Amino acid sequence: MALKVGPCSNSEKKRMAEPCKEDVEARAYQLWEQAGRPEGRENEFWYLALQQLRNEDKSSSVRTPDTL
């Protein structure tokens, strides 16, 4: 399943509710490394990174309930 993420240009990044692909990839990689680089869990870390980045943006309309 592919998730749509926005571009990473600075002007668009500041006004978008969705994190850009590069930001999600970087966060997912960081989380994966912190977890000891487990194999076969790429989607888990991608979704976790996306959720974290959405929650950091308090203006995002797609924040999850745990941060409301």
N, C-alpha and C. Protein backbone atom coordinates (compact mmCIF):
# COMPACT_ATOMS: atom_id res chain seq x y z
N MET A 1 0.85 -1.17 0.00
CA MET A 1 0.00 0.00 0.00
C MET A 1 0.90 1.24 0.00
N ALA A 2 0.63 2.14 -0.90
CA ALA A 2 1.43 3.36 -0.99
C ALA A 2 0.68 4.52 -0.35
N LEU A 3 1.38 5.25 0.47
CA LEU A 3 0.80 6.44 1.07
C LEU A 3 1.25 7.65 0.29
N LYS A 4 0.37 8.60 0.14
CA LYS A 4 0.73 9.83 -0.55
C LYS A 4 1.35 10.79 0.46
N VAL A 5 2.52 11.24 0.14
CA VAL A 5 3.18 12.25 0.95
C VAL A 5 3.57 13.40 0.03
N GLY A 6 3.68 14.56 0.59
CA GLY A 6 3.92 15.75 -0.20
C GLY A 6 5.37 15.96 -0.57
N PRO A 7 5.61 16.94 -1.43
CA PRO A 7 6.97 17.30 -1.81
C PRO A 7 7.68 18.00 -0.66
N CYS A 8 8.98 18.17 -0.80
CA CYS A 8 9.76 18.74 0.29
C CYS A 8 10.30 20.13 -0.01
N SER A 9 9.71 20.86 -0.91
CA SER A 9 10.22 22.21 -1.12
C SER A 9 9.89 23.04 0.11
N ASN A 10 10.79 23.93 0.50
CA ASN A 10 10.62 24.67 1.75
C ASN A 10 9.34 25.48 1.81
N SER A 11 8.96 26.14 0.73
CA SER A 11 7.76 26.96 0.76
C SER A 11 6.51 26.11 0.89
N GLU A 12 6.47 24.99 0.18
CA GLU A 12 5.30 24.12 0.26
C GLU A 12 5.28 23.35 1.56
N LYS A 13 6.44 22.98 2.05
CA LYS A 13 6.56 22.18 3.26
C LYS A 13 5.93 22.89 4.45
N LYS A 14 6.11 24.19 4.54
CA LYS A 14 5.62 24.94 5.69
C LYS A 14 4.11 25.03 5.75
N ARG A 15 3.45 24.96 4.60
CA ARG A 15 1.99 25.13 4.61
C ARG A 15 1.23 23.84 4.39
N MET A 16 1.92 22.71 4.25
CA MET A 16 1.26 21.44 3.99
C MET A 16 0.94 20.71 5.28
N ALA A 17 -0.20 20.01 5.30
CA ALA A 17 -0.57 19.22 6.46
C ALA A 17 0.16 17.89 6.47
N GLU A 18 0.54 17.38 5.31
CA GLU A 18 1.22 16.10 5.21
C GLU A 18 2.73 16.30 5.16
N PRO A 19 3.46 15.48 5.90
CA PRO A 19 4.92 15.54 5.83
C PRO A 19 5.39 15.08 4.45
N CYS A 20 6.54 15.56 4.01
CA CYS A 20 7.05 15.15 2.71
C CYS A 20 7.75 13.79 2.81
N LYS A 21 7.90 13.16 1.68
CA LYS A 21 8.48 11.82 1.61
C LYS A 21 9.86 11.76 2.24
N GLU A 22 10.70 12.74 1.96
CA GLU A 22 12.06 12.73 2.49
C GLU A 22 12.07 12.80 4.01
N ASP A 23 11.17 13.58 4.59
CA ASP A 23 11.10 13.68 6.05
C ASP A 23 10.64 12.36 6.66
N VAL A 24 9.66 11.72 6.02
CA VAL A 24 9.16 10.44 6.53
C VAL A 24 10.26 9.38 6.42
N GLU A 25 10.95 9.36 5.29
CA GLU A 25 12.03 8.38 5.11
C GLU A 25 13.12 8.56 6.17
N ALA A 26 13.51 9.80 6.40
CA ALA A 26 14.56 10.07 7.38
C ALA A 26 14.14 9.64 8.78
N ARG A 27 12.90 9.96 9.16
CA ARG A 27 12.42 9.59 10.49
C ARG A 27 12.29 8.07 10.60
N ALA A 28 11.76 7.43 9.56
CA ALA A 28 11.60 5.97 9.58
C ALA A 28 12.96 5.28 9.71
N TYR A 29 13.95 5.79 9.00
CA TYR A 29 15.29 5.22 9.09
C TYR A 29 15.85 5.38 10.50
N GLN A 30 15.65 6.53 11.08
CA GLN A 30 16.12 6.78 12.44
C GLN A 30 15.45 5.81 13.42
N LEU A 31 14.15 5.63 13.31
CA LEU A 31 13.43 4.72 14.18
C LEU A 31 13.88 3.27 13.99
N TRP A 32 14.11 2.89 12.73
CA TRP A 32 14.57 1.55 12.39
C TRP A 32 15.94 1.28 13.01
N GLU A 33 16.84 2.25 12.90
CA GLU A 33 18.16 2.09 13.50
C GLU A 33 18.08 1.97 15.02
N GLN A 34 17.23 2.80 15.64
CA GLN A 34 17.08 2.77 17.10
C GLN A 34 16.53 1.43 17.57
N ALA A 35 15.76 0.77 16.71
CA ALA A 35 15.17 -0.53 17.06
C ALA A 35 16.11 -1.70 16.76
N GLY A 36 17.31 -1.40 16.30
CA GLY A 36 18.28 -2.46 16.04
C GLY A 36 18.25 -3.00 14.63
N ARG A 37 17.69 -2.25 13.70
CA ARG A 37 17.64 -2.60 12.28
C ARG A 37 16.96 -3.94 12.00
N PRO A 38 15.77 -4.16 12.54
CA PRO A 38 15.08 -5.43 12.30
C PRO A 38 14.64 -5.57 10.84
N GLU A 39 14.71 -6.77 10.32
CA GLU A 39 14.32 -7.02 8.94
C GLU A 39 12.81 -7.23 8.83
N GLY A 40 12.25 -6.83 7.70
CA GLY A 40 10.85 -7.11 7.39
C GLY A 40 9.84 -6.22 8.09
N ARG A 41 10.27 -5.10 8.67
CA ARG A 41 9.33 -4.23 9.39
C ARG A 41 9.33 -2.82 8.82
N GLU A 42 9.63 -2.69 7.53
CA GLU A 42 9.72 -1.38 6.89
C GLU A 42 8.42 -0.59 7.01
N ASN A 43 7.30 -1.26 6.75
CA ASN A 43 6.01 -0.57 6.81
C ASN A 43 5.70 -0.06 8.21
N GLU A 44 6.03 -0.84 9.20
CA GLU A 44 5.80 -0.43 10.60
C GLU A 44 6.52 0.88 10.90
N PHE A 45 7.78 0.97 10.51
CA PHE A 45 8.55 2.18 10.80
C PHE A 45 8.11 3.34 9.93
N TRP A 46 7.66 3.07 8.70
CA TRP A 46 7.15 4.13 7.82
C TRP A 46 5.90 4.77 8.46
N TYR A 47 4.95 3.93 8.87
CA TYR A 47 3.72 4.45 9.46
C TYR A 47 3.96 5.14 10.80
N LEU A 48 4.86 4.62 11.59
CA LEU A 48 5.20 5.26 12.86
C LEU A 48 5.82 6.63 12.62
N ALA A 49 6.72 6.71 11.65
CA ALA A 49 7.35 7.99 11.31
C ALA A 49 6.31 8.98 10.82
N LEU A 50 5.43 8.53 9.96
CA LEU A 50 4.38 9.40 9.43
C LEU A 50 3.49 9.92 10.56
N GLN A 51 3.11 9.03 11.47
CA GLN A 51 2.27 9.43 12.60
C GLN A 51 3.00 10.46 13.48
N GLN A 52 4.26 10.21 13.77
CA GLN A 52 5.01 11.14 14.61
C GLN A 52 5.11 12.51 13.97
N LEU A 53 5.40 12.55 12.68
CA LEU A 53 5.53 13.84 11.99
C LEU A 53 4.19 14.57 11.91
N ARG A 54 3.13 13.84 11.69
CA ARG A 54 1.80 14.47 11.69
C ARG A 54 1.49 15.07 13.05
N ASN A 55 1.84 14.33 14.10
CA ASN A 55 1.54 14.79 15.45
C ASN A 55 2.38 15.99 15.86
N GLU A 56 3.56 16.12 15.29
CA GLU A 56 4.40 17.27 15.58
C GLU A 56 3.83 18.55 14.99
N ASP A 57 3.08 18.42 13.91
CA ASP A 57 2.46 19.57 13.26
C ASP A 57 1.07 19.77 13.87
N LYS A 58 0.97 20.62 14.85
CA LYS A 58 -0.29 20.81 15.56
C LYS A 58 -1.40 21.37 14.67
N SER A 59 -1.03 21.91 13.51
CA SER A 59 -2.04 22.44 12.60
C SER A 59 -2.56 21.37 11.65
N SER A 60 -1.98 20.19 11.69
CA SER A 60 -2.39 19.12 10.77
C SER A 60 -3.80 18.65 11.09
N SER A 61 -4.59 18.48 10.04
CA SER A 61 -5.96 18.00 10.22
C SER A 61 -6.00 16.49 10.34
N VAL A 62 -4.86 15.82 10.19
CA VAL A 62 -4.82 14.36 10.25
C VAL A 62 -4.05 13.87 11.48
N ARG A 63 -4.01 14.68 12.52
CA ARG A 63 -3.36 14.25 13.76
C ARG A 63 -4.10 13.06 14.34
N THR A 64 -3.40 12.26 15.11
CA THR A 64 -4.02 11.11 15.72
C THR A 64 -4.57 11.45 17.10
N PRO A 65 -5.54 10.69 17.59
CA PRO A 65 -6.20 11.02 18.86
C PRO A 65 -5.29 11.09 20.07
N ASP A 66 -4.17 10.41 20.04
CA ASP A 66 -3.31 10.41 21.23
C ASP A 66 -2.65 11.75 21.51
N THR A 67 -2.72 12.70 20.58
CA THR A 67 -2.10 13.99 20.81
C THR A 67 -3.11 15.14 20.88
N LEU A 68 -4.36 14.82 20.80
CA LEU A 68 -5.39 15.87 20.85
C LEU A 68 -5.62 16.35 22.26
